[in-house]
PDB file of N, CA and C in Angstrom:
ATOM      1  N   MET A   1       0.846  -1.187   0.000  1.00  0.00           N
ATOM      2  CA  MET A   1       0.000   0.000   0.000  1.00  0.00           C
ATOM      3  C   MET A   1       0.886   1.244   0.000  1.00  0.00           C
ATOM      4  N   THR A   2       0.462   2.242  -0.730  1.00  0.00           N
ATOM      5  CA  THR A   2       1.211   3.483  -0.834  1.00  0.00           C
ATOM      6  C   THR A   2       1.118   4.303   0.449  1.00  0.00           C
ATOM      7  N   SER A   3       2.141   5.067   0.711  1.00  0.00           N
ATOM      8  CA  SER A   3       2.096   5.973   1.856  1.00  0.00           C
ATOM      9  C   SER A   3       1.732   7.389   1.423  1.00  0.00           C
ATOM     10  N   ASP A   4       1.542   7.580   0.108  1.00  0.00           N
ATOM     11  CA  ASP A   4       1.179   8.899  -0.402  1.00  0.00           C
ATOM     12  C   ASP A   4      -0.327   9.112  -0.264  1.00  0.00           C
ATOM     13  N   VAL A   5      -0.703  10.313   0.137  1.00  0.00           N
ATOM     14  CA  VAL A   5      -2.115  10.626   0.348  1.00  0.00           C
ATOM     15  C   VAL A   5      -2.376  12.059  -0.086  1.00  0.00           C
ATOM     16  N   ILE A   6      -3.484  12.251  -0.775  1.00  0.00           N
ATOM     17  CA  ILE A   6      -3.993  13.590  -1.059  1.00  0.00           C
ATOM     18  C   ILE A   6      -5.166  13.816  -0.112  1.00  0.00           C
ATOM     19  N   HIS A   7      -5.141  14.912   0.641  1.00  0.00           N
ATOM     20  CA  HIS A   7      -6.238  15.277   1.539  1.00  0.00           C
ATOM     21  C   HIS A   7      -6.931  16.514   0.968  1.00  0.00           C
ATOM     22  N   VAL A   8      -8.235  16.462   0.826  1.00  0.00           N
ATOM     23  CA  VAL A   8      -9.040  17.612   0.426  1.00  0.00           C
ATOM     24  C   VAL A   8      -9.952  17.930   1.592  1.00  0.00           C
ATOM     25  N   ARG A   9      -9.930  19.167   2.050  1.00  0.00           N
ATOM     26  CA  ARG A   9     -10.724  19.555   3.218  1.00  0.00           C
ATOM     27  C   ARG A   9     -11.559  20.793   2.898  1.00  0.00           C
ATOM     28  N   GLY A  10     -12.678  20.909   3.588  1.00  0.00           N
ATOM     29  CA  GLY A  10     -13.490  22.122   3.494  1.00  0.00           C
ATOM     30  C   GLY A  10     -14.354  22.217   2.254  1.00  0.00           C
ATOM     31  N   LEU A  11     -14.657  21.094   1.609  1.00  0.00           N
ATOM     32  CA  LEU A  11     -15.534  21.115   0.443  1.00  0.00           C
ATOM     33  C   LEU A  11     -16.976  21.221   0.920  1.00  0.00           C
ATOM     34  N   ARG A  12     -17.628  22.318   0.573  1.00  0.00           N
ATOM     35  CA  ARG A  12     -19.034  22.524   0.969  1.00  0.00           C
ATOM     36  C   ARG A  12     -19.931  22.038  -0.160  1.00  0.00           C
ATOM     37  N   LEU A  13     -20.920  21.219   0.219  1.00  0.00           N
ATOM     38  CA  LEU A  13     -21.833  20.629  -0.751  1.00  0.00           C
ATOM     39  C   LEU A  13     -23.274  20.854  -0.312  1.00  0.00           C
ATOM     40  N   TRP A  14     -24.130  21.200  -1.265  1.00  0.00           N
ATOM     41  CA  TRP A  14     -25.561  21.337  -1.003  1.00  0.00           C
ATOM     42  C   TRP A  14     -26.228  20.052  -1.457  1.00  0.00           C
ATOM     43  N   ALA A  15     -26.988  19.421  -0.564  1.00  0.00           N
ATOM     44  CA  ALA A  15     -27.650  18.170  -0.921  1.00  0.00           C
ATOM     45  C   ALA A  15     -28.982  18.062  -0.187  1.00  0.00           C
ATOM     46  N   HIS A  16     -29.839  17.213  -0.717  1.00  0.00           N
ATOM     47  CA  HIS A  16     -31.171  16.969  -0.160  1.00  0.00           C
ATOM     48  C   HIS A  16     -31.140  15.657   0.614  1.00  0.00           C
ATOM     49  N   VAL A  17     -30.604  15.741   1.822  1.00  0.00           N
ATOM     50  CA  VAL A  17     -30.386  14.556   2.641  1.00  0.00           C
ATOM     51  C   VAL A  17     -30.948  14.807   4.034  1.00  0.00           C
ATOM     52  N   GLY A  18     -31.730  13.855   4.512  1.00  0.00           N
ATOM     53  CA  GLY A  18     -32.233  13.971   5.869  1.00  0.00           C
ATOM     54  C   GLY A  18     -33.451  13.095   6.087  1.00  0.00           C
ATOM     55  N   VAL A  19     -33.663  12.732   7.328  1.00  0.00           N
ATOM     56  CA  VAL A  19     -34.815  11.907   7.690  1.00  0.00           C
ATOM     57  C   VAL A  19     -36.096  12.728   7.584  1.00  0.00           C
ATOM     58  N   LEU A  20     -36.012  14.010   7.886  1.00  0.00           N
ATOM     59  CA  LEU A  20     -37.199  14.861   7.812  1.00  0.00           C
ATOM     60  C   LEU A  20     -37.498  15.239   6.358  1.00  0.00           C
ATOM     61  N   GLU A  21     -38.758  15.244   6.011  1.00  0.00           N
ATOM     62  CA  GLU A  21     -39.152  15.571   4.641  1.00  0.00           C
ATOM     63  C   GLU A  21     -38.651  16.955   4.220  1.00  0.00           C
ATOM     64  N   ARG A  22     -38.680  17.916   5.128  1.00  0.00           N
ATOM     65  CA  ARG A  22     -38.237  19.268   4.771  1.00  0.00           C
ATOM     66  C   ARG A  22     -36.742  19.311   4.427  1.00  0.00           C
ATOM     67  N   GLU A  23     -35.948  18.426   5.035  1.00  0.00           N
ATOM     68  CA  GLU A  23     -34.518  18.358   4.699  1.00  0.00           C
ATOM     69  C   GLU A  23     -34.328  17.867   3.267  1.00  0.00           C
ATOM     70  N   ARG A  24     -35.089  16.856   2.889  1.00  0.00           N
ATOM     71  CA  ARG A  24     -34.976  16.320   1.530  1.00  0.00           C
ATOM     72  C   ARG A  24     -35.592  17.268   0.516  1.00  0.00           C
ATOM     73  N   LEU A  25     -36.616  17.998   0.899  1.00  0.00           N
ATOM     74  CA  LEU A  25     -37.284  18.919  -0.009  1.00  0.00           C
ATOM     75  C   LEU A  25     -36.455  20.183  -0.251  1.00  0.00           C
ATOM     76  N   HIS A  26     -35.976  20.793   0.811  1.00  0.00           N
ATOM     77  CA  HIS A  26     -35.286  22.082   0.693  1.00  0.00           C
ATOM     78  C   HIS A  26     -33.770  21.975   0.590  1.00  0.00           C
ATOM     79  N   GLY A  27     -33.193  20.895   1.078  1.00  0.00           N
ATOM     80  CA  GLY A  27     -31.743  20.732   1.047  1.00  0.00           C
ATOM     81  C   GLY A  27     -31.048  21.485   2.166  1.00  0.00           C
ATOM     82  N   GLN A  28     -29.750  21.235   2.280  1.00  0.00           N
ATOM     83  CA  GLN A  28     -28.956  21.884   3.320  1.00  0.00           C
ATOM     84  C   GLN A  28     -27.471  21.699   3.017  1.00  0.00           C
ATOM     85  N   TRP A  29     -26.641  22.406   3.754  1.00  0.00           N
ATOM     86  CA  TRP A  29     -25.200  22.351   3.549  1.00  0.00           C
ATOM     87  C   TRP A  29     -24.561  21.183   4.298  1.00  0.00           C
ATOM     88  N   PHE A  30     -23.585  20.605   3.645  1.00  0.00           N
ATOM     89  CA  PHE A  30     -22.727  19.582   4.216  1.00  0.00           C
ATOM     90  C   PHE A  30     -21.293  20.002   3.958  1.00  0.00           C
ATOM     91  N   GLU A  31     -20.391  19.543   4.814  1.00  0.00           N
ATOM     92  CA  GLU A  31     -18.967  19.792   4.590  1.00  0.00           C
ATOM     93  C   GLU A  31     -18.263  18.449   4.495  1.00  0.00           C
ATOM     94  N   LEU A  32     -17.359  18.358   3.527  1.00  0.00           N
ATOM     95  CA  LEU A  32     -16.696  17.098   3.246  1.00  0.00           C
ATOM     96  C   LEU A  32     -15.184  17.271   3.276  1.00  0.00           C
ATOM     97  N   ALA A  33     -14.527  16.316   3.883  1.00  0.00           N
ATOM     98  CA  ALA A  33     -13.074  16.140   3.760  1.00  0.00           C
ATOM     99  C   ALA A  33     -12.877  14.733   3.232  1.00  0.00           C
ATOM    100  N   PHE A  34     -12.017  14.580   2.216  1.00  0.00           N
ATOM    101  CA  PHE A  34     -11.747  13.239   1.726  1.00  0.00           C
ATOM    102  C   PHE A  34     -10.268  13.060   1.457  1.00  0.00           C
ATOM    103  N   SER A  35      -9.850  11.800   1.480  1.00  0.00           N
ATOM    104  CA  SER A  35      -8.451  11.439   1.274  1.00  0.00           C
ATOM    105  C   SER A  35      -8.354  10.353   0.220  1.00  0.00           C
ATOM    106  N   LEU A  36      -7.346  10.494  -0.628  1.00  0.00           N
ATOM    107  CA  LEU A  36      -7.067   9.532  -1.689  1.00  0.00           C
ATOM    108  C   LEU A  36      -5.704   8.932  -1.435  1.00  0.00           C
ATOM    109  N   GLY A  37      -5.647   7.637  -1.207  1.00  0.00           N
ATOM    110  CA  GLY A  37      -4.369   6.949  -1.048  1.00  0.00           C
ATOM    111  C   GLY A  37      -3.877   6.527  -2.422  1.00  0.00           C
ATOM    112  N   THR A  38      -2.886   7.212  -2.921  1.00  0.00           N
ATOM    113  CA  THR A  38      -2.439   6.970  -4.287  1.00  0.00           C
ATOM    114  C   THR A  38      -0.938   7.206  -4.407  1.00  0.00           C
ATOM    115  N   ASP A  39      -0.323   6.563  -5.341  1.00  0.00           N
ATOM    116  CA  ASP A  39       1.109   6.731  -5.573  1.00  0.00           C
ATOM    117  C   ASP A  39       1.335   8.051  -6.309  1.00  0.00           C
ATOM    118  N   LEU A  40       1.972   8.982  -5.657  1.00  0.00           N
ATOM    119  CA  LEU A  40       2.215  10.303  -6.232  1.00  0.00           C
ATOM    120  C   LEU A  40       3.600  10.440  -6.856  1.00  0.00           C
ATOM    121  N   SER A  41       4.374   9.370  -6.893  1.00  0.00           N
ATOM    122  CA  SER A  41       5.768   9.479  -7.347  1.00  0.00           C
ATOM    123  C   SER A  41       5.885   9.913  -8.805  1.00  0.00           C
ATOM    124  N   GLU A  42       5.031   9.386  -9.687  1.00  0.00           N
ATOM    125  CA  GLU A  42       5.102   9.781 -11.097  1.00  0.00           C
ATOM    126  C   GLU A  42       4.759  11.255 -11.284  1.00  0.00           C
ATOM    127  N   THR A  43       3.688  11.688 -10.627  1.00  0.00           N
ATOM    128  CA  THR A  43       3.295  13.093 -10.718  1.00  0.00           C
ATOM    129  C   THR A  43       4.384  13.991 -10.137  1.00  0.00           C
ATOM    130  N   ALA A  44       4.967  13.567  -9.036  1.00  0.00           N
ATOM    131  CA  ALA A  44       6.032  14.353  -8.404  1.00  0.00           C
ATOM    132  C   ALA A  44       7.256  14.458  -9.315  1.00  0.00           C
ATOM    133  N   CYS A  45       7.588  13.381  -9.991  1.00  0.00           N
ATOM    134  CA  CYS A  45       8.767  13.394 -10.877  1.00  0.00           C
ATOM    135  C   CYS A  45       8.506  14.136 -12.177  1.00  0.00           C
ATOM    136  N   ARG A  46       7.342  13.872 -12.789  1.00  0.00           N
ATOM    137  CA  ARG A  46       7.075  14.415 -14.120  1.00  0.00           C
ATOM    138  C   ARG A  46       6.333  15.744 -14.096  1.00  0.00           C
ATOM    139  N   ASP A  47       5.792  16.144 -12.934  1.00  0.00           N
ATOM    140  CA  ASP A  47       5.036  17.391 -12.819  1.00  0.00           C
ATOM    141  C   ASP A  47       3.875  17.423 -13.812  1.00  0.00           C
ATOM    142  N   ASP A  48       3.112  16.317 -13.851  1.00  0.00           N
ATOM    143  CA  ASP A  48       2.051  16.144 -14.839  1.00  0.00           C
ATOM    144  C   ASP A  48       0.845  15.491 -14.168  1.00  0.00           C
ATOM    145  N   LEU A  49      -0.310  16.165 -14.199  1.00  0.00           N
ATOM    146  CA  LEU A  49      -1.514  15.657 -13.547  1.00  0.00           C
ATOM    147  C   LEU A  49      -2.144  14.475 -14.271  1.00  0.00           C
ATOM    148  N   SER A  50      -1.709  14.172 -15.473  1.00  0.00           N
ATOM    149  CA  SER A  50      -2.319  13.068 -16.220  1.00  0.00           C
ATOM    150  C   SER A  50      -2.042  11.714 -15.570  1.00  0.00           C
ATOM    151  N   ASP A  51      -1.221  11.677 -14.555  1.00  0.00           N
ATOM    152  CA  ASP A  51      -0.931  10.425 -13.854  1.00  0.00           C
ATOM    153  C   ASP A  51      -2.028  10.035 -12.866  1.00  0.00           C
ATOM    154  N   GLY A  52      -3.113  10.809 -12.810  1.00  0.00           N
ATOM    155  CA  GLY A  52      -4.264  10.411 -12.013  1.00  0.00           C
ATOM    156  C   GLY A  52      -4.405  11.049 -10.655  1.00  0.00           C
ATOM    157  N   SER A  53      -3.633  12.050 -10.353  1.00  0.00           N
ATOM    158  CA  SER A  53      -3.717  12.656  -9.020  1.00  0.00           C
ATOM    159  C   SER A  53      -4.420  14.015  -9.030  1.00  0.00           C
ATOM    160  N   ASP A  54      -5.225  14.281 -10.031  1.00  0.00           N
ATOM    161  CA  ASP A  54      -5.915  15.563 -10.149  1.00  0.00           C
ATOM    162  C   ASP A  54      -7.147  15.572  -9.246  1.00  0.00           C
ATOM    163  N   TYR A  55      -7.029  16.192  -8.079  1.00  0.00           N
ATOM    164  CA  TYR A  55      -8.121  16.221  -7.112  1.00  0.00           C
ATOM    165  C   TYR A  55      -9.294  17.075  -7.580  1.00  0.00           C
ATOM    166  N   ALA A  56      -9.081  17.982  -8.531  1.00  0.00           N
ATOM    167  CA  ALA A  56     -10.169  18.813  -9.048  1.00  0.00           C
ATOM    168  C   ALA A  56     -11.241  17.957  -9.730  1.00  0.00           C
ATOM    169  N   ILE A  57     -10.847  16.840 -10.314  1.00  0.00           N
ATOM    170  CA  ILE A  57     -11.814  15.934 -10.959  1.00  0.00           C
ATOM    171  C   ILE A  57     -12.816  15.427  -9.928  1.00  0.00           C
ATOM    172  N   GLY A  58     -12.328  14.992  -8.779  1.00  0.00           N
ATOM    173  CA  GLY A  58     -13.212  14.502  -7.724  1.00  0.00           C
ATOM    174  C   GLY A  58     -14.093  15.598  -7.153  1.00  0.00           C
ATOM    175  N   ILE A  59     -13.530  16.770  -6.952  1.00  0.00           N
ATOM    176  CA  ILE A  59     -14.301  17.890  -6.408  1.00  0.00           C
ATOM    177  C   ILE A  59     -15.466  18.225  -7.332  1.00  0.00           C
ATOM    178  N   GLU A  60     -15.195  18.357  -8.612  1.00  0.00           N
ATOM    179  CA  GLU A  60     -16.260  18.701  -9.563  1.00  0.00           C
ATOM    180  C   GLU A  60     -17.308  17.602  -9.674  1.00  0.00           C
ATOM    181  N   ALA A  61     -16.878  16.348  -9.674  1.00  0.00           N
ATOM    182  CA  ALA A  61     -17.828  15.232  -9.746  1.00  0.00           C
ATOM    183  C   ALA A  61     -18.726  15.207  -8.512  1.00  0.00           C
ATOM    184  N   LEU A  62     -18.158  15.473  -7.341  1.00  0.00           N
ATOM    185  CA  LEU A  62     -18.946  15.486  -6.108  1.00  0.00           C
ATOM    186  C   LEU A  62     -19.929  16.656  -6.092  1.00  0.00           C
ATOM    187  N   ARG A  63     -19.502  17.817  -6.554  1.00  0.00           N
ATOM    188  CA  ARG A  63     -20.410  18.968  -6.637  1.00  0.00           C
ATOM    189  C   ARG A  63     -21.604  18.644  -7.534  1.00  0.00           C
ATOM    190  N   ALA A  64     -21.336  18.072  -8.699  1.00  0.00           N
ATOM    191  CA  ALA A  64     -22.409  17.757  -9.642  1.00  0.00           C
ATOM    192  C   ALA A  64     -23.364  16.717  -9.069  1.00  0.00           C
ATOM    193  N   ARG A  65     -22.847  15.653  -8.486  1.00  0.00           N
ATOM    194  CA  ARG A  65     -23.691  14.580  -7.961  1.00  0.00           C
ATOM    195  C   ARG A  65     -24.488  15.051  -6.749  1.00  0.00           C
ATOM    196  N   SER A  66     -23.898  15.898  -5.924  1.00  0.00           N
ATOM    197  CA  SER A  66     -24.584  16.348  -4.712  1.00  0.00           C
ATOM    198  C   SER A  66     -25.811  17.191  -5.024  1.00  0.00           C
ATOM    199  N   ARG A  67     -25.795  17.884  -6.142  1.00  0.00           N
ATOM    200  CA  ARG A  67     -26.945  18.716  -6.501  1.00  0.00           C
ATOM    201  C   ARG A  67     -28.203  17.890  -6.765  1.00  0.00           C
ATOM    202  N   VAL A  68     -28.031  16.630  -7.140  1.00  0.00           N
ATOM    203  CA  VAL A  68     -29.188  15.816  -7.519  1.00  0.00           C
ATOM    204  C   VAL A  68     -29.490  14.684  -6.528  1.00  0.00           C
ATOM    205  N   ILE A  69     -28.675  14.528  -5.521  1.00  0.00           N
ATOM    206  CA  ILE A  69     -28.894  13.440  -4.574  1.00  0.00           C
ATOM    207  C   ILE A  69     -30.093  13.743  -3.668  1.00  0.00           C
ATOM    208  N   CYS A  70     -30.821  12.695  -3.329  1.00  0.00           N
ATOM    209  CA  CYS A  70     -31.915  12.798  -2.376  1.00  0.00           C
ATOM    210  C   CYS A  70     -31.977  11.466  -1.630  1.00  0.00           C
ATOM    211  N   CYS A  71     -31.678  11.509  -0.328  1.00  0.00           N
ATOM    212  CA  CYS A  71     -31.713  10.288   0.476  1.00  0.00           C
ATOM    213  C   CYS A  71     -31.980  10.656   1.932  1.00  0.00           C
ATOM    214  N   ASN A  72     -32.158   9.636   2.754  1.00  0.00           N
ATOM    215  CA  ASN A  72     -32.534   9.859   4.152  1.00  0.00           C
ATOM    216  C   ASN A  72     -31.346  10.045   5.091  1.00  0.00           C
ATOM    217  N   THR A  73     -30.294   9.269   4.913  1.00  0.00           N
ATOM    218  CA  THR A  73     -29.267   9.234   5.958  1.00  0.00           C
ATOM    219  C   THR A  73     -27.910   9.759   5.499  1.00  0.00           C
ATOM    220  N   LEU A  74     -27.200  10.286   6.444  1.00  0.00           N
ATOM    221  CA  LEU A  74     -25.828  10.721   6.242  1.00  0.00           C
ATOM    222  C   LEU A  74     -24.956   9.537   5.833  1.00  0.00           C
ATOM    223  N   GLU A  75     -25.247   8.385   6.387  1.00  0.00           N
ATOM    224  CA  GLU A  75     -24.484   7.183   6.069  1.00  0.00           C
ATOM    225  C   GLU A  75     -24.645   6.799   4.596  1.00  0.00           C
ATOM    226  N   HIS A  76     -25.865   6.863   4.084  1.00  0.00           N
ATOM    227  CA  HIS A  76     -26.088   6.544   2.668  1.00  0.00           C
ATOM    228  C   HIS A  76     -25.427   7.585   1.763  1.00  0.00           C
ATOM    229  N   TYR A  77     -25.550   8.839   2.125  1.00  0.00           N
ATOM    230  CA  TYR A  77     -24.895   9.906   1.366  1.00  0.00           C
ATOM    231  C   TYR A  77     -23.390   9.670   1.322  1.00  0.00           C
ATOM    232  N   SER A  78     -22.798   9.268   2.437  1.00  0.00           N
ATOM    233  CA  SER A  78     -21.352   9.010   2.459  1.00  0.00           C
ATOM    234  C   SER A  78     -20.992   7.841   1.538  1.00  0.00           C
ATOM    235  N   GLU A  79     -21.844   6.841   1.467  1.00  0.00           N
ATOM    236  CA  GLU A  79     -21.612   5.700   0.574  1.00  0.00           C
ATOM    237  C   GLU A  79     -21.637   6.154  -0.886  1.00  0.00           C
ATOM    238  N   ARG A  80     -22.566   7.011  -1.204  1.00  0.00           N
ATOM    239  CA  ARG A  80     -22.654   7.534  -2.578  1.00  0.00           C
ATOM    240  C   ARG A  80     -21.420   8.373  -2.916  1.00  0.00           C
ATOM    241  N   ILE A  81     -20.901   9.118  -1.949  1.00  0.00           N
ATOM    242  CA  ILE A  81     -19.677   9.901  -2.166  1.00  0.00           C
ATOM    243  C   ILE A  81     -18.499   8.972  -2.450  1.00  0.00           C
ATOM    244  N   LEU A  82     -18.378   7.920  -1.666  1.00  0.00           N
ATOM    245  CA  LEU A  82     -17.313   6.944  -1.915  1.00  0.00           C
ATOM    246  C   LEU A  82     -17.447   6.339  -3.310  1.00  0.00           C
ATOM    247  N   ASP A  83     -18.673   6.075  -3.751  1.00  0.00           N
ATOM    248  CA  ASP A  83     -18.889   5.561  -5.104  1.00  0.00           C
ATOM    249  C   ASP A  83     -18.392   6.538  -6.162  1.00  0.00           C
ATOM    250  N   VAL A  84     -18.695   7.817  -5.984  1.00  0.00           N
ATOM    251  CA  VAL A  84     -18.256   8.842  -6.942  1.00  0.00           C
ATOM    252  C   VAL A  84     -16.735   8.908  -6.989  1.00  0.00           C
ATOM    253  N   LEU A  85     -16.103   8.910  -5.826  1.00  0.00           N
ATOM    254  CA  LEU A  85     -14.641   8.968  -5.797  1.00  0.00           C
ATOM    255  C   LEU A  85     -14.029   7.741  -6.468  1.00  0.00           C
ATOM    256  N   GLU A  86     -14.630   6.586  -6.253  1.00  0.00           N
ATOM    257  CA  GLU A  86     -14.126   5.373  -6.898  1.00  0.00           C
ATOM    258  C   GLU A  86     -14.322   5.432  -8.416  1.00  0.00           C
ATOM    259  N   GLU A  87     -15.428   6.011  -8.867  1.00  0.00           N
ATOM    260  CA  GLU A  87     -15.630   6.210 -10.307  1.00  0.00           C
ATOM    261  C   GLU A  87     -14.532   7.096 -10.892  1.00  0.00           C
ATOM    262  N   CYS A  88     -14.116   8.089 -10.143  1.00  0.00           N
ATOM    263  CA  CYS A  88     -13.100   9.039 -10.624  1.00  0.00           C
ATOM    264  C   CYS A  88     -11.689   8.465 -10.585  1.00  0.00           C
ATOM    265  N   TYR A  89     -11.360   7.714  -9.532  1.00  0.00           N
ATOM    266  CA  TYR A  89      -9.963   7.330  -9.294  1.00  0.00           C
ATOM    267  C   TYR A  89      -9.704   5.826  -9.312  1.00  0.00           C
ATOM    268  N   GLY A  90     -10.743   5.035  -9.411  1.00  0.00           N
ATOM    269  CA  GLY A  90     -10.559   3.587  -9.404  1.00  0.00           C
ATOM    270  C   GLY A  90     -10.506   3.039  -7.984  1.00  0.00           C
ATOM    271  N   PRO A  91     -10.152   1.764  -7.865  1.00  0.00           N
ATOM    272  CA  PRO A  91     -10.164   1.091  -6.560  1.00  0.00           C
ATOM    273  C   PRO A  91      -8.910   1.383  -5.724  1.00  0.00           C
ATOM    274  N   ILE A  92      -8.817   2.608  -5.225  1.00  0.00           N
ATOM    275  CA  ILE A  92      -7.698   3.014  -4.367  1.00  0.00           C
ATOM    276  C   ILE A  92      -8.224   3.193  -2.944  1.00  0.00           C
ATOM    277  N   PRO A  93      -7.348   3.271  -1.958  1.00  0.00           N
ATOM    278  CA  PRO A  93      -7.817   3.569  -0.600  1.00  0.00           C
ATOM    279  C   PRO A  93      -8.492   4.948  -0.551  1.00  0.00           C
ATOM    280  N   LEU A  94      -9.674   4.979   0.036  1.00  0.00           N
ATOM    281  CA  LEU A  94     -10.460   6.208   0.150  1.00  0.00           C
ATOM    282  C   LEU A  94     -10.891   6.395   1.601  1.00  0.00           C
ATOM    283  N   ALA A  95     -10.950   7.632   2.019  1.00  0.00           N
ATOM    284  CA  ALA A  95     -11.470   7.953   3.350  1.00  0.00           C
ATOM    285  C   ALA A  95     -12.226   9.270   3.251  1.00  0.00           C
ATOM    286  N   LEU A  96     -13.226   9.417   4.105  1.00  0.00           N
ATOM    287  CA  LEU A  96     -13.958  10.682   4.116  1.00  0.00           C
ATOM    288  C   LEU A  96     -14.485  10.984   5.495  1.00  0.00           C
ATOM    289  N   GLU A  97     -14.723  12.262   5.714  1.00  0.00           N
ATOM    290  CA  GLU A  97     -15.479  12.751   6.858  1.00  0.00           C
ATOM    291  C   GLU A  97     -16.547  13.663   6.293  1.00  0.00           C
ATOM    292  N   LEU A  98     -17.807  13.285   6.490  1.00  0.00           N
ATOM    293  CA  LEU A  98     -18.944  14.038   5.981  1.00  0.00           C
ATOM    294  C   LEU A  98     -19.700  14.630   7.163  1.00  0.00           C
ATOM    295  N   THR A  99     -19.860  15.941   7.141  1.00  0.00           N
ATOM    296  CA  THR A  99     -20.478  16.661   8.249  1.00  0.00           C
ATOM    297  C   THR A  99     -21.788  17.301   7.827  1.00  0.00           C
ATOM    298  N   LYS A 100     -22.815  17.024   8.604  1.00  0.00           N
ATOM    299  CA  LYS A 100     -24.091  17.727   8.456  1.00  0.00           C
ATOM    300  C   LYS A 100     -23.948  18.979   9.300  1.00  0.00           C
ATOM    301  N   CYS A 101     -23.900  20.129   8.646  1.00  0.00           N
ATOM    302  CA  CYS A 101     -23.524  21.369   9.328  1.00  0.00           C
ATOM    303  C   CYS A 101     -24.528  21.830  10.370  1.00  0.00           C
ATOM    304  N   ARG A 102     -25.820  21.670  10.104  1.00  0.00           N
ATOM    305  CA  ARG A 102     -26.843  22.114  11.057  1.00  0.00           C
ATOM    306  C   ARG A 102     -27.979  21.095  11.151  1.00  0.00           C
ATOM    307  N   PRO A 103     -27.751  20.007  11.859  1.00  0.00           N
ATOM    308  CA  PRO A 103     -28.828  19.022  11.977  1.00  0.00           C
ATOM    309  C   PRO A 103     -30.015  19.625  12.734  1.00  0.00           C
ATOM    310  N   PRO A 104     -31.232  19.341  12.262  1.00  0.00           N
ATOM    311  CA  PRO A 104     -32.418  19.940  12.894  1.00  0.00           C
ATOM    312  C   PRO A 104     -32.830  19.207  14.171  1.00  0.00           C
ATOM    313  N   ILE A 105     -32.008  19.369  15.194  1.00  0.00           N
ATOM    314  CA  ILE A 105     -32.279  18.753  16.482  1.00  0.00           C
ATOM    315  C   ILE A 105     -32.533  19.883  17.484  1.00  0.00           C
ATOM    316  N   PRO A 106     -33.717  19.952  18.048  1.00  0.00           N
ATOM    317  CA  PRO A 106     -34.032  21.042  18.978  1.00  0.00           C
ATOM    318  C   PRO A 106     -33.001  21.156  20.102  1.00  0.00           C
ATOM    319  N   GLY A 107     -32.526  22.383  20.325  1.00  0.00           N
ATOM    320  CA  GLY A 107     -31.586  22.649  21.404  1.00  0.00           C
ATOM    321  C   GLY A 107     -30.158  22.234  21.126  1.00  0.00           C
ATOM    322  N   PHE A 108     -29.857  21.779  19.911  1.00  0.00           N
ATOM    323  CA  PHE A 108     -28.505  21.343  19.554  1.00  0.00           C
ATOM    324  C   PHE A 108     -27.960  22.266  18.483  1.00  0.00           C
ATOM    325  N   GLY A 109     -26.844  22.919  18.778  1.00  0.00           N
ATOM    326  CA  GLY A 109     -26.257  23.874  17.834  1.00  0.00           C
ATOM    327  C   GLY A 109     -24.995  23.375  17.168  1.00  0.00           C
ATOM    328  N   GLY A 110     -24.667  22.098  17.342  1.00  0.00           N
ATOM    329  CA  GLY A 110     -23.440  21.561  16.780  1.00  0.00           C
ATOM    330  C   GLY A 110     -23.653  20.922  15.420  1.00  0.00           C
ATOM    331  N   SER A 111     -22.724  20.072  15.060  1.00  0.00           N
ATOM    332  CA  SER A 111     -22.787  19.360  13.788  1.00  0.00           C
ATOM    333  C   SER A 111     -22.618  17.862  14.064  1.00  0.00           C
ATOM    334  N   VAL A 112     -22.888  17.066  13.024  1.00  0.00           N
ATOM    335  CA  VAL A 112     -22.740  15.612  13.125  1.00  0.00           C
ATOM    336  C   VAL A 112     -21.880  15.154  11.960  1.00  0.00           C
ATOM    337  N   THR A 113     -20.890  14.318  12.248  1.00  0.00           N
ATOM    338  CA  THR A 113     -19.957  13.853  11.230  1.00  0.00           C
ATOM    339  C   THR A 113     -19.885  12.337  11.219  1.00  0.00           C
ATOM    340  N   VAL A 114     -19.843  11.766  10.012  1.00  0.00           N
ATOM    341  CA  VAL A 114     -19.537  10.346   9.872  1.00  0.00           C
ATOM    342  C   VAL A 114     -18.174  10.227   9.199  1.00  0.00           C
ATOM    343  N   ARG A 115     -17.428   9.233   9.620  1.00  0.00           N
ATOM    344  CA  ARG A 115     -16.124   8.933   9.015  1.00  0.00           C
ATOM    345  C   ARG A 115     -16.238   7.557   8.379  1.00  0.00           C
ATOM    346  N   ARG A 116     -15.821   7.450   7.116  1.00  0.00           N
ATOM    347  CA  ARG A 116     -15.917   6.201   6.371  1.00  0.00           C
ATOM    348  C   ARG A 116     -14.607   5.950   5.637  1.00  0.00           C
ATOM    349  N   THR A 117     -14.322   4.689   5.383  1.00  0.00           N
ATOM    350  CA  THR A 117     -13.140   4.328   4.603  1.00  0.00           C
ATOM    351  C   THR A 117     -13.484   3.166   3.662  1.00  0.00           C
ATOM    352  N   ARG A 118     -12.702   3.072   2.619  1.00  0.00           N
ATOM    353  CA  ARG A 118     -12.711   1.909   1.710  1.00  0.00           C
ATOM    354  C   ARG A 118     -11.278   1.552   1.403  1.00  0.00           C
ATOM    355  N   ARG A 119     -10.981   0.278   1.541  1.00  0.00           N
ATOM    356  CA  ARG A 119      -9.658  -0.262   1.221  1.00  0.00           C
ATOM    357  C   ARG A 119      -8.521   0.429   1.982  1.00  0.00           C
ATOM    358  N   TRP A 120      -8.786   0.947   3.155  1.00  0.00           N
ATOM    359  CA  TRP A 120      -7.745   1.579   3.963  1.00  0.00           C
ATOM    360  C   TRP A 120      -7.437   0.657   5.115  1.00  0.00           C
ATOM    361  N   GLU A 121      -6.187   0.299   5.262  1.00  0.00           N
ATOM    362  CA  GLU A 121      -5.822  -0.621   6.349  1.00  0.00           C
ATOM    363  C   GLU A 121      -5.214   0.109   7.511  1.00  0.00           C
TER     364      GLU A 121
END
């Protein structure tokens, strides 16, 4: 397994995710951090993004998919994000932290985050 990792943090996504109907109807903000475990040696040597380490591809794909997603749980949304990243980069180690910025819980002003991984040991 490679020790090289690309970390993307602070990606804000608008999606229609939530157990409450109004969350799915109106949508809300989520914040995403994701990591790609990939061999960066070729890109580092050749200074060329065509070697597969272009994180902008994943960011744009996630923005596009998030606009049309509609589901109940943060866990399912995180699974769909992992699917998108795998479509972009193939079967590499993936990790994410997905945060629901303002969950509609009376008297609670914090956020809720799920952490997920695929093929990360």
